[in-house]
Amino acid sequence: MREILIDSILDCLKLLPFLYLSYLLVEYAEHRMSAGAKAAIYRAGRAGPLLGSIIGNIPQCGFAAAAAGLFAGGVVSPGTLLAVFLSTSDEMLPVMLAEGAAFSDIAKILLAKAAVAAAAGMALDFLVEAVRGGRGQMPEHPDMCEHGHCGCGEHSIWYSALNHTVKTALFLLVISFLLGLGMDWLGRSAASRTLVQTPVLEELTAGLLGMIPNCAASVLITKLFLEGVLDGGGLFAGLLCGAGTGLLVLWRENRSRRENLWITAALFACGAAAGILLGRLGIL
């Protein structure tokens, strides 16, 4: 339990710079930037899913958490957020390097995840814009400071961003510790060894495992693949669905539960479907 607590603390500490910078940008957008300028940035973000798919491939779930904060503040599009979530690999890369996995396999995984993330993100933005009846139209997001009670009218944006960061970090610490206990039990139990080796069902199961909002999920999924418990389709489904702590930040900061629900559903649907397809193509 002590080791899990230490790991949870370290994970939260690594997230702090990403969280603070994202909240600082949101604070600036909300209180220093005109509505027109903010809308222009949002519309210019049509290439956001492509950029998000590249950034998400960096082995650090802090980008997913930052993207969730920026989305809650209305700075980035839902497609960009989905692209970052899908491409996020957390600890997959260091685990595979440590286990001596072939560089060609690692490259295939990263490129495939980036391609799926970019395509899904662009498709989602196109769909959202079509539903809203106007390209680049910004959604109406509630003021994040009203939600966080940060007292922006009394303090600078630097203080307000720090206030949001501390509250979110404490929330993530508690949840990460509890999830860490659960992941530790799962890794030690026979449950992780009894994934049904049935087409489609395996990818769906691995996708649900990847949805657990904890960086340890990517470690478990990668090890299950390296040990032969999961095949390539299961690996892709699990890693694509795994957004690390990004989902926790999304559900905490974005007040629209409806948005959170369909983004979470889109993440699982896209990740599981792509895992099934990539598994049948035999990329790994």
C-alpha atoms as a PDB file:
ATOM      1  CA  MET A   1       0.000   0.000   0.000  1.00  0.00           C
ATOM      2  CA  ARG A   2       2.886   2.339   0.779  1.00  0.00           C
ATOM      3  CA  GLU A   3       4.358   1.789  -2.678  1.00  0.00           C
ATOM      4  CA  ILE A   4       0.993   2.531  -4.305  1.00  0.00           C
ATOM      5  CA  LEU A   5       0.681   5.753  -2.292  1.00  0.00           C
ATOM      6  CA  ILE A   6       4.194   6.833  -3.308  1.00  0.00           C
ATOM      7  CA  ASP A   7       3.449   6.063  -6.963  1.00  0.00           C
ATOM      8  CA  SER A   8       0.193   8.047  -6.751  1.00  0.00           C
ATOM      9  CA  ILE A   9       2.020  11.041  -5.273  1.00  0.00           C
ATOM     10  CA  LEU A  10       4.731  10.893  -7.926  1.00  0.00           C
ATOM     11  CA  ASP A  11       2.157  10.622 -10.717  1.00  0.00           C
ATOM     12  CA  CYS A  12       0.345  13.695  -9.404  1.00  0.00           C
ATOM     13  CA  LEU A  13       3.581  15.655  -9.062  1.00  0.00           C
ATOM     14  CA  LYS A  14       4.425  14.896 -12.697  1.00  0.00           C
ATOM     15  CA  LEU A  15       1.031  16.259 -13.733  1.00  0.00           C
ATOM     16  CA  LEU A  16       1.385  19.584 -11.919  1.00  0.00           C
ATOM     17  CA  PRO A  17       3.249  21.520 -14.673  1.00  0.00           C
ATOM     18  CA  PHE A  18       0.749  20.387 -17.331  1.00  0.00           C
ATOM     19  CA  LEU A  19      -2.246  21.184 -15.173  1.00  0.00           C
ATOM     20  CA  TYR A  20      -0.958  24.605 -14.166  1.00  0.00           C
ATOM     21  CA  LEU A  21      -0.108  25.680 -17.716  1.00  0.00           C
ATOM     22  CA  SER A  22      -3.459  24.484 -19.053  1.00  0.00           C
ATOM     23  CA  TYR A  23      -5.392  26.266 -16.278  1.00  0.00           C
ATOM     24  CA  LEU A  24      -3.331  29.399 -16.817  1.00  0.00           C
ATOM     25  CA  LEU A  25      -4.276  29.396 -20.484  1.00  0.00           C
ATOM     26  CA  VAL A  26      -7.940  28.823 -19.642  1.00  0.00           C
ATOM     27  CA  GLU A  27      -7.873  31.653 -17.078  1.00  0.00           C
ATOM     28  CA  TYR A  28      -6.352  33.985 -19.651  1.00  0.00           C
ATOM     29  CA  ALA A  29      -8.920  32.966 -22.267  1.00  0.00           C
ATOM     30  CA  GLU A  30     -11.815  33.503 -19.858  1.00  0.00           C
ATOM     31  CA  HIS A  31     -10.766  36.832 -18.340  1.00  0.00           C
ATOM     32  CA  ARG A  32      -8.301  38.517 -20.682  1.00  0.00           C
ATOM     33  CA  MET A  33      -9.295  37.437 -24.180  1.00  0.00           C
ATOM     34  CA  SER A  34     -12.256  38.777 -26.115  1.00  0.00           C
ATOM     35  CA  ALA A  35     -14.976  36.388 -27.237  1.00  0.00           C
ATOM     36  CA  GLY A  36     -14.030  37.016 -30.866  1.00  0.00           C
ATOM     37  CA  ALA A  37     -10.372  36.181 -30.327  1.00  0.00           C
ATOM     38  CA  LYS A  38     -11.264  33.060 -28.382  1.00  0.00           C
ATOM     39  CA  ALA A  39     -13.634  31.922 -31.137  1.00  0.00           C
ATOM     40  CA  ALA A  40     -10.907  32.535 -33.720  1.00  0.00           C
ATOM     41  CA  ILE A  41      -8.525  30.241 -31.850  1.00  0.00           C
ATOM     42  CA  TYR A  42     -11.240  27.611 -31.605  1.00  0.00           C
ATOM     43  CA  ARG A  43     -11.950  27.787 -35.347  1.00  0.00           C
ATOM     44  CA  ALA A  44      -8.238  27.735 -36.190  1.00  0.00           C
ATOM     45  CA  GLY A  45      -8.025  24.490 -34.284  1.00  0.00           C
ATOM     46  CA  ARG A  46      -9.396  22.414 -37.167  1.00  0.00           C
ATOM     47  CA  ALA A  47      -5.909  20.936 -37.425  1.00  0.00           C
ATOM     48  CA  GLY A  48      -6.056  20.342 -33.677  1.00  0.00           C
ATOM     49  CA  PRO A  49      -6.847  16.606 -33.942  1.00  0.00           C
ATOM     50  CA  LEU A  50      -3.725  16.061 -36.048  1.00  0.00           C
ATOM     51  CA  LEU A  51      -1.547  17.959 -33.584  1.00  0.00           C
ATOM     52  CA  GLY A  52      -3.254  16.232 -30.665  1.00  0.00           C
ATOM     53  CA  SER A  53      -2.583  12.805 -32.149  1.00  0.00           C
ATOM     54  CA  ILE A  54       1.130  13.613 -32.323  1.00  0.00           C
ATOM     55  CA  ILE A  55       1.408  15.165 -28.870  1.00  0.00           C
ATOM     56  CA  GLY A  56      -0.535  12.339 -27.261  1.00  0.00           C
ATOM     57  CA  ASN A  57       2.052   9.815 -28.439  1.00  0.00           C
ATOM     58  CA  ILE A  58       4.593  11.303 -26.049  1.00  0.00           C
ATOM     59  CA  PRO A  59       4.734   8.883 -23.086  1.00  0.00           C
ATOM     60  CA  GLN A  60       3.177  11.224 -20.527  1.00  0.00           C
ATOM     61  CA  CYS A  61      -0.484  11.282 -19.504  1.00  0.00           C
ATOM     62  CA  GLY A  62      -0.097  14.929 -18.485  1.00  0.00           C
ATOM     63  CA  PHE A  63      -1.019  15.996 -22.009  1.00  0.00           C
ATOM     64  CA  ALA A  64      -4.366  14.198 -21.735  1.00  0.00           C
ATOM     65  CA  ALA A  65      -5.079  15.943 -18.431  1.00  0.00           C
ATOM     66  CA  ALA A  66      -4.085  19.314 -19.913  1.00  0.00           C
ATOM     67  CA  ALA A  67      -6.259  18.754 -22.991  1.00  0.00           C
ATOM     68  CA  ALA A  68      -9.242  17.946 -20.768  1.00  0.00           C
ATOM     69  CA  GLY A  69      -8.742  21.205 -18.875  1.00  0.00           C
ATOM     70  CA  LEU A  70      -8.471  23.198 -22.103  1.00  0.00           C
ATOM     71  CA  PHE A  71     -11.633  21.574 -23.449  1.00  0.00           C
ATOM     72  CA  ALA A  72     -13.520  22.383 -20.249  1.00  0.00           C
ATOM     73  CA  GLY A  73     -12.492  26.009 -20.772  1.00  0.00           C
ATOM     74  CA  GLY A  74     -13.678  25.979 -24.385  1.00  0.00           C
ATOM     75  CA  VAL A  75     -10.190  26.456 -25.812  1.00  0.00           C
ATOM     76  CA  VAL A  76      -9.864  23.236 -27.840  1.00  0.00           C
ATOM     77  CA  SER A  77     -12.431  21.267 -29.838  1.00  0.00           C
ATOM     78  CA  PRO A  78     -13.935  17.914 -28.822  1.00  0.00           C
ATOM     79  CA  GLY A  79     -12.120  16.282 -31.741  1.00  0.00           C
ATOM     80  CA  THR A  80      -8.778  17.541 -30.472  1.00  0.00           C
ATOM     81  CA  LEU A  81      -9.555  16.199 -27.012  1.00  0.00           C
ATOM     82  CA  LEU A  82     -10.567  12.801 -28.433  1.00  0.00           C
ATOM     83  CA  ALA A  83      -7.401  12.662 -30.547  1.00  0.00           C
ATOM     84  CA  VAL A  84      -5.203  13.289 -27.509  1.00  0.00           C
ATOM     85  CA  PHE A  85      -7.110  10.699 -25.489  1.00  0.00           C
ATOM     86  CA  LEU A  86      -6.821   8.042 -28.206  1.00  0.00           C
ATOM     87  CA  SER A  87      -3.121   8.599 -28.892  1.00  0.00           C
ATOM     88  CA  THR A  88      -2.101   8.745 -25.231  1.00  0.00           C
ATOM     89  CA  SER A  89      -0.002   5.700 -24.385  1.00  0.00           C
ATOM     90  CA  ASP A  90       1.159   6.535 -20.864  1.00  0.00           C
ATOM     91  CA  GLU A  91       3.750   3.957 -19.816  1.00  0.00           C
ATOM     92  CA  MET A  92       3.523   1.701 -22.876  1.00  0.00           C
ATOM     93  CA  LEU A  93       6.732   2.979 -24.484  1.00  0.00           C
ATOM     94  CA  PRO A  94       9.058   2.712 -21.446  1.00  0.00           C
ATOM     95  CA  VAL A  95       7.653  -0.721 -20.556  1.00  0.00           C
ATOM     96  CA  MET A  96       8.230  -2.039 -24.070  1.00  0.00           C
ATOM     97  CA  LEU A  97      11.732  -0.584 -24.195  1.00  0.00           C
ATOM     98  CA  ALA A  98      12.541  -2.111 -20.820  1.00  0.00           C
ATOM     99  CA  GLU A  99      11.257  -5.509 -21.972  1.00  0.00           C
ATOM    100  CA  GLY A 100      13.327  -5.401 -25.162  1.00  0.00           C
ATOM    101  CA  ALA A 101      10.410  -5.212 -27.604  1.00  0.00           C
ATOM    102  CA  ALA A 102      11.287  -4.800 -31.276  1.00  0.00           C
ATOM    103  CA  PHE A 103      11.580  -1.184 -32.381  1.00  0.00           C
ATOM    104  CA  SER A 104       9.585  -2.012 -35.499  1.00  0.00           C
ATOM    105  CA  ASP A 105       6.648  -3.147 -33.344  1.00  0.00           C
ATOM    106  CA  ILE A 106       6.872  -0.023 -31.187  1.00  0.00           C
ATOM    107  CA  ALA A 107       6.874   2.173 -34.303  1.00  0.00           C
ATOM    108  CA  LYS A 108       3.838   0.336 -35.691  1.00  0.00           C
ATOM    109  CA  ILE A 109       1.922   0.869 -32.444  1.00  0.00           C
ATOM    110  CA  LEU A 110       2.706   4.584 -32.237  1.00  0.00           C
ATOM    111  CA  LEU A 111       1.952   5.264 -35.914  1.00  0.00           C
ATOM    112  CA  ALA A 112      -1.278   3.266 -35.850  1.00  0.00           C
ATOM    113  CA  LYS A 113      -2.482   5.027 -32.699  1.00  0.00           C
ATOM    114  CA  ALA A 114      -1.655   8.442 -34.165  1.00  0.00           C
ATOM    115  CA  ALA A 115      -3.489   7.638 -37.412  1.00  0.00           C
ATOM    116  CA  VAL A 116      -6.599   6.383 -35.595  1.00  0.00           C
ATOM    117  CA  ALA A 117      -6.560   9.375 -33.240  1.00  0.00           C
ATOM    118  CA  ALA A 118      -6.256  11.955 -36.021  1.00  0.00           C
ATOM    119  CA  ALA A 119      -8.980  10.345 -38.143  1.00  0.00           C
ATOM    120  CA  ALA A 120     -11.405   9.926 -35.239  1.00  0.00           C
ATOM    121  CA  GLY A 121     -10.783  13.461 -33.966  1.00  0.00           C
ATOM    122  CA  MET A 122     -11.364  15.054 -37.352  1.00  0.00           C
ATOM    123  CA  ALA A 123     -14.496  12.974 -37.887  1.00  0.00           C
ATOM    124  CA  LEU A 124     -15.865  14.002 -34.489  1.00  0.00           C
ATOM    125  CA  ASP A 125     -15.239  17.705 -35.119  1.00  0.00           C
ATOM    126  CA  PHE A 126     -16.941  17.432 -38.512  1.00  0.00           C
ATOM    127  CA  LEU A 127     -19.923  15.700 -36.941  1.00  0.00           C
ATOM    128  CA  VAL A 128     -20.192  18.219 -34.100  1.00  0.00           C
ATOM    129  CA  GLU A 129     -19.992  21.169 -36.485  1.00  0.00           C
ATOM    130  CA  ALA A 130     -22.666  19.613 -38.715  1.00  0.00           C
ATOM    131  CA  VAL A 131     -24.981  19.101 -35.745  1.00  0.00           C
ATOM    132  CA  ARG A 132     -24.431  22.671 -34.527  1.00  0.00           C
ATOM    133  CA  GLY A 133     -25.147  23.970 -37.993  1.00  0.00           C
ATOM    134  CA  GLY A 134     -22.033  26.064 -38.335  1.00  0.00           C
ATOM    135  CA  ARG A 135     -18.372  25.300 -38.922  1.00  0.00           C
ATOM    136  CA  GLY A 136     -16.141  26.325 -36.076  1.00  0.00           C
ATOM    137  CA  GLN A 137     -19.012  27.340 -33.867  1.00  0.00           C
ATOM    138  CA  MET A 138     -17.937  27.348 -30.246  1.00  0.00           C
ATOM    139  CA  PRO A 139     -19.977  25.555 -27.599  1.00  0.00           C
ATOM    140  CA  GLU A 140     -21.293  27.520 -24.657  1.00  0.00           C
ATOM    141  CA  HIS A 141     -19.206  26.340 -21.705  1.00  0.00           C
ATOM    142  CA  PRO A 142     -19.968  27.585 -18.189  1.00  0.00           C
ATOM    143  CA  ASP A 143     -17.280  29.749 -16.664  1.00  0.00           C
ATOM    144  CA  MET A 144     -14.731  27.409 -15.094  1.00  0.00           C
ATOM    145  CA  CYS A 145     -14.012  29.863 -12.307  1.00  0.00           C
ATOM    146  CA  GLU A 146     -17.655  29.935 -11.315  1.00  0.00           C
ATOM    147  CA  HIS A 147     -17.461  26.155 -11.065  1.00  0.00           C
ATOM    148  CA  GLY A 148     -14.167  26.165  -9.145  1.00  0.00           C
ATOM    149  CA  HIS A 149     -14.913  29.169  -6.881  1.00  0.00           C
ATOM    150  CA  CYS A 150     -11.369  30.450  -7.371  1.00  0.00           C
ATOM    151  CA  GLY A 151     -12.123  34.113  -6.669  1.00  0.00           C
ATOM    152  CA  CYS A 152     -10.733  35.446  -9.921  1.00  0.00           C
ATOM    153  CA  GLY A 153     -12.190  38.855  -9.241  1.00  0.00           C
ATOM    154  CA  GLU A 154     -10.012  39.148  -6.142  1.00  0.00           C
ATOM    155  CA  HIS A 155      -6.801  37.497  -7.365  1.00  0.00           C
ATOM    156  CA  SER A 156      -4.600  37.348 -10.447  1.00  0.00           C
ATOM    157  CA  ILE A 157      -4.918  34.640 -13.090  1.00  0.00           C
ATOM    158  CA  TRP A 158      -1.633  33.168 -11.763  1.00  0.00           C
ATOM    159  CA  TYR A 159      -3.175  32.594  -8.353  1.00  0.00           C
ATOM    160  CA  SER A 160      -6.448  31.344  -9.799  1.00  0.00           C
ATOM    161  CA  ALA A 161      -4.654  28.835 -12.023  1.00  0.00           C
ATOM    162  CA  LEU A 162      -2.675  27.628  -9.018  1.00  0.00           C
ATOM    163  CA  ASN A 163      -5.883  27.282  -7.014  1.00  0.00           C
ATOM    164  CA  HIS A 164      -7.458  25.116  -9.728  1.00  0.00           C
ATOM    165  CA  THR A 165      -4.257  23.058 -10.010  1.00  0.00           C
ATOM    166  CA  VAL A 166      -4.047  22.304  -6.296  1.00  0.00           C
ATOM    167  CA  LYS A 167      -7.710  21.293  -6.030  1.00  0.00           C
ATOM    168  CA  THR A 168      -7.495  19.043  -9.069  1.00  0.00           C
ATOM    169  CA  ALA A 169      -4.196  17.500  -7.945  1.00  0.00           C
ATOM    170  CA  LEU A 170      -5.651  16.593  -4.550  1.00  0.00           C
ATOM    171  CA  PHE A 171      -8.689  15.081  -6.241  1.00  0.00           C
ATOM    172  CA  LEU A 172      -6.466  13.062  -8.583  1.00  0.00           C
ATOM    173  CA  LEU A 173      -4.264  11.905  -5.703  1.00  0.00           C
ATOM    174  CA  VAL A 174      -7.181  10.385  -3.803  1.00  0.00           C
ATOM    175  CA  ILE A 175      -8.747   8.761  -6.868  1.00  0.00           C
ATOM    176  CA  SER A 176      -5.386   7.528  -8.210  1.00  0.00           C
ATOM    177  CA  PHE A 177      -4.569   5.904  -4.886  1.00  0.00           C
ATOM    178  CA  LEU A 178      -7.900   4.074  -4.780  1.00  0.00           C
ATOM    179  CA  LEU A 179      -7.563   3.003  -8.411  1.00  0.00           C
ATOM    180  CA  GLY A 180      -3.986   1.940  -7.747  1.00  0.00           C
ATOM    181  CA  LEU A 181      -5.205  -0.433  -5.054  1.00  0.00           C
ATOM    182  CA  GLY A 182      -7.685  -1.880  -7.517  1.00  0.00           C
ATOM    183  CA  MET A 183      -5.091  -2.241 -10.280  1.00  0.00           C
ATOM    184  CA  ASP A 184      -2.700  -3.938  -7.866  1.00  0.00           C
ATOM    185  CA  TRP A 185      -5.380  -6.458  -6.949  1.00  0.00           C
ATOM    186  CA  LEU A 186      -6.197  -7.041 -10.606  1.00  0.00           C
ATOM    187  CA  GLY A 187      -2.560  -7.607 -11.476  1.00  0.00           C
ATOM    188  CA  ARG A 188      -2.126 -10.130  -8.672  1.00  0.00           C
ATOM    189  CA  SER A 189      -5.381 -11.994  -9.199  1.00  0.00           C
ATOM    190  CA  ALA A 190      -6.310 -14.499 -11.835  1.00  0.00           C
ATOM    191  CA  ALA A 191      -8.711 -11.961 -13.331  1.00  0.00           C
ATOM    192  CA  SER A 192      -5.985 -10.482 -15.527  1.00  0.00           C
ATOM    193  CA  ARG A 193      -5.234 -13.959 -16.880  1.00  0.00           C
ATOM    194  CA  THR A 194      -8.771 -14.940 -17.729  1.00  0.00           C
ATOM    195  CA  LEU A 195      -9.486 -12.514 -20.551  1.00  0.00           C
ATOM    196  CA  VAL A 196     -11.548 -14.541 -22.969  1.00  0.00           C
ATOM    197  CA  GLN A 197      -9.536 -15.270 -26.104  1.00  0.00           C
ATOM    198  CA  THR A 198     -12.566 -14.770 -28.312  1.00  0.00           C
ATOM    199  CA  PRO A 199     -12.571 -12.410 -31.293  1.00  0.00           C
ATOM    200  CA  VAL A 200     -14.244  -9.068 -30.520  1.00  0.00           C
ATOM    201  CA  LEU A 201     -14.831  -9.979 -26.866  1.00  0.00           C
ATOM    202  CA  GLU A 202     -11.119  -9.702 -26.113  1.00  0.00           C
ATOM    203  CA  GLU A 203     -10.884  -6.219 -27.626  1.00  0.00           C
ATOM    204  CA  LEU A 204     -13.978  -5.078 -25.761  1.00  0.00           C
ATOM    205  CA  THR A 205     -12.602  -6.414 -22.472  1.00  0.00           C
ATOM    206  CA  ALA A 206      -9.189  -4.841 -23.047  1.00  0.00           C
ATOM    207  CA  GLY A 207     -10.885  -1.565 -23.995  1.00  0.00           C
ATOM    208  CA  LEU A 208     -12.810  -1.516 -20.724  1.00  0.00           C
ATOM    209  CA  LEU A 209      -9.577  -2.230 -18.853  1.00  0.00           C
ATOM    210  CA  GLY A 210      -7.903   0.667 -20.653  1.00  0.00           C
ATOM    211  CA  MET A 211     -10.761   2.988 -19.671  1.00  0.00           C
ATOM    212  CA  ILE A 212      -9.702   2.768 -16.025  1.00  0.00           C
ATOM    213  CA  PRO A 213      -8.445   6.355 -15.428  1.00  0.00           C
ATOM    214  CA  ASN A 214      -5.062   5.424 -14.029  1.00  0.00           C
ATOM    215  CA  CYS A 215      -1.607   5.343 -15.629  1.00  0.00           C
ATOM    216  CA  ALA A 216      -1.122   1.803 -14.287  1.00  0.00           C
ATOM    217  CA  ALA A 217      -3.714   0.510 -16.776  1.00  0.00           C
ATOM    218  CA  SER A 218      -1.310   0.977 -19.705  1.00  0.00           C
ATOM    219  CA  VAL A 219       1.393  -0.909 -17.806  1.00  0.00           C
ATOM    220  CA  LEU A 220      -0.900  -3.870 -17.175  1.00  0.00           C
ATOM    221  CA  ILE A 221      -2.188  -3.956 -20.771  1.00  0.00           C
ATOM    222  CA  THR A 222       1.333  -3.802 -22.202  1.00  0.00           C
ATOM    223  CA  LYS A 223       2.589  -6.572 -19.928  1.00  0.00           C
ATOM    224  CA  LEU A 224      -0.394  -8.767 -20.789  1.00  0.00           C
ATOM    225  CA  PHE A 225       0.497  -8.346 -24.470  1.00  0.00           C
ATOM    226  CA  LEU A 226       4.184  -9.077 -23.949  1.00  0.00           C
ATOM    227  CA  GLU A 227       3.304 -12.195 -21.958  1.00  0.00           C
ATOM    228  CA  GLY A 228       0.973 -13.435 -24.688  1.00  0.00           C
ATOM    229  CA  VAL A 229      -2.284 -12.983 -22.786  1.00  0.00           C
ATOM    230  CA  LEU A 230      -3.499 -10.301 -25.218  1.00  0.00           C
ATOM    231  CA  ASP A 231      -3.005 -10.294 -28.976  1.00  0.00           C
ATOM    232  CA  GLY A 232      -2.383  -7.224 -31.120  1.00  0.00           C
ATOM    233  CA  GLY A 233      -6.056  -6.301 -31.320  1.00  0.00           C
ATOM    234  CA  GLY A 234      -6.434  -6.392 -27.548  1.00  0.00           C
ATOM    235  CA  LEU A 235      -3.303  -4.281 -27.099  1.00  0.00           C
ATOM    236  CA  PHE A 236      -4.513  -1.617 -29.525  1.00  0.00           C
ATOM    237  CA  ALA A 237      -8.000  -1.537 -28.004  1.00  0.00           C
ATOM    238  CA  GLY A 238      -6.653  -1.197 -24.478  1.00  0.00           C
ATOM    239  CA  LEU A 239      -4.093   1.487 -25.305  1.00  0.00           C
ATOM    240  CA  LEU A 240      -6.451   3.495 -27.524  1.00  0.00           C
ATOM    241  CA  CYS A 241      -9.147   3.537 -24.836  1.00  0.00           C
ATOM    242  CA  GLY A 242      -6.644   4.463 -22.132  1.00  0.00           C
ATOM    243  CA  ALA A 243      -6.498   8.234 -21.565  1.00  0.00           C
ATOM    244  CA  GLY A 244      -4.819   8.034 -18.164  1.00  0.00           C
ATOM    245  CA  THR A 245      -6.000  10.713 -15.781  1.00  0.00           C
ATOM    246  CA  GLY A 246      -7.466  12.727 -18.650  1.00  0.00           C
ATOM    247  CA  LEU A 247     -10.934  11.299 -18.065  1.00  0.00           C
ATOM    248  CA  LEU A 248     -10.787  12.204 -14.374  1.00  0.00           C
ATOM    249  CA  VAL A 249      -9.938  15.822 -15.197  1.00  0.00           C
ATOM    250  CA  LEU A 250     -12.677  15.940 -17.841  1.00  0.00           C
ATOM    251  CA  TRP A 251     -15.383  14.714 -15.472  1.00  0.00           C
ATOM    252  CA  ARG A 252     -14.213  17.011 -12.693  1.00  0.00           C
ATOM    253  CA  GLU A 253     -13.768  20.223 -14.667  1.00  0.00           C
ATOM    254  CA  ASN A 254     -16.378  20.072 -17.432  1.00  0.00           C
ATOM    255  CA  ARG A 255     -19.824  20.759 -15.988  1.00  0.00           C
ATOM    256  CA  SER A 256     -21.735  19.277 -18.921  1.00  0.00           C
ATOM    257  CA  ARG A 257     -22.251  15.657 -17.904  1.00  0.00           C
ATOM    258  CA  ARG A 258     -23.866  15.036 -21.275  1.00  0.00           C
ATOM    259  CA  GLU A 259     -20.703  16.109 -23.091  1.00  0.00           C
ATOM    260  CA  ASN A 260     -18.549  14.049 -20.758  1.00  0.00           C
ATOM    261  CA  LEU A 261     -20.704  11.000 -21.344  1.00  0.00           C
ATOM    262  CA  TRP A 262     -20.643  11.087 -25.133  1.00  0.00           C
ATOM    263  CA  ILE A 263     -16.927  11.870 -25.259  1.00  0.00           C
ATOM    264  CA  THR A 264     -16.252   8.909 -22.970  1.00  0.00           C
ATOM    265  CA  ALA A 265     -18.519   6.729 -25.101  1.00  0.00           C
ATOM    266  CA  ALA A 266     -16.789   7.909 -28.286  1.00  0.00           C
ATOM    267  CA  LEU A 267     -13.410   7.087 -26.771  1.00  0.00           C
ATOM    268  CA  PHE A 268     -14.456   3.512 -26.000  1.00  0.00           C
ATOM    269  CA  ALA A 269     -16.280   2.990 -29.304  1.00  0.00           C
ATOM    270  CA  CYS A 270     -13.405   4.294 -31.417  1.00  0.00           C
ATOM    271  CA  GLY A 271     -10.746   2.491 -29.390  1.00  0.00           C
ATOM    272  CA  ALA A 272     -12.524  -0.867 -29.374  1.00  0.00           C
ATOM    273  CA  ALA A 273     -13.525  -0.683 -33.056  1.00  0.00           C
ATOM    274  CA  ALA A 274     -10.010   0.298 -34.148  1.00  0.00           C
ATOM    275  CA  GLY A 275      -8.550  -2.468 -31.983  1.00  0.00           C
ATOM    276  CA  ILE A 276     -10.781  -5.043 -33.664  1.00  0.00           C
ATOM    277  CA  LEU A 277      -9.843  -3.757 -37.140  1.00  0.00           C
ATOM    278  CA  LEU A 278      -6.100  -3.499 -36.454  1.00  0.00           C
ATOM    279  CA  GLY A 279      -6.129  -6.941 -34.872  1.00  0.00           C
ATOM    280  CA  ARG A 280      -7.731  -8.465 -37.974  1.00  0.00           C
ATOM    281  CA  LEU A 281      -5.173  -6.710 -40.192  1.00  0.00           C
ATOM    282  CA  GLY A 282      -2.412  -8.466 -38.258  1.00  0.00           C
ATOM    283  CA  ILE A 283      -0.235  -5.391 -37.809  1.00  0.00           C
ATOM    284  CA  LEU A 284       1.412  -7.004 -34.761  1.00  0.00           C
END
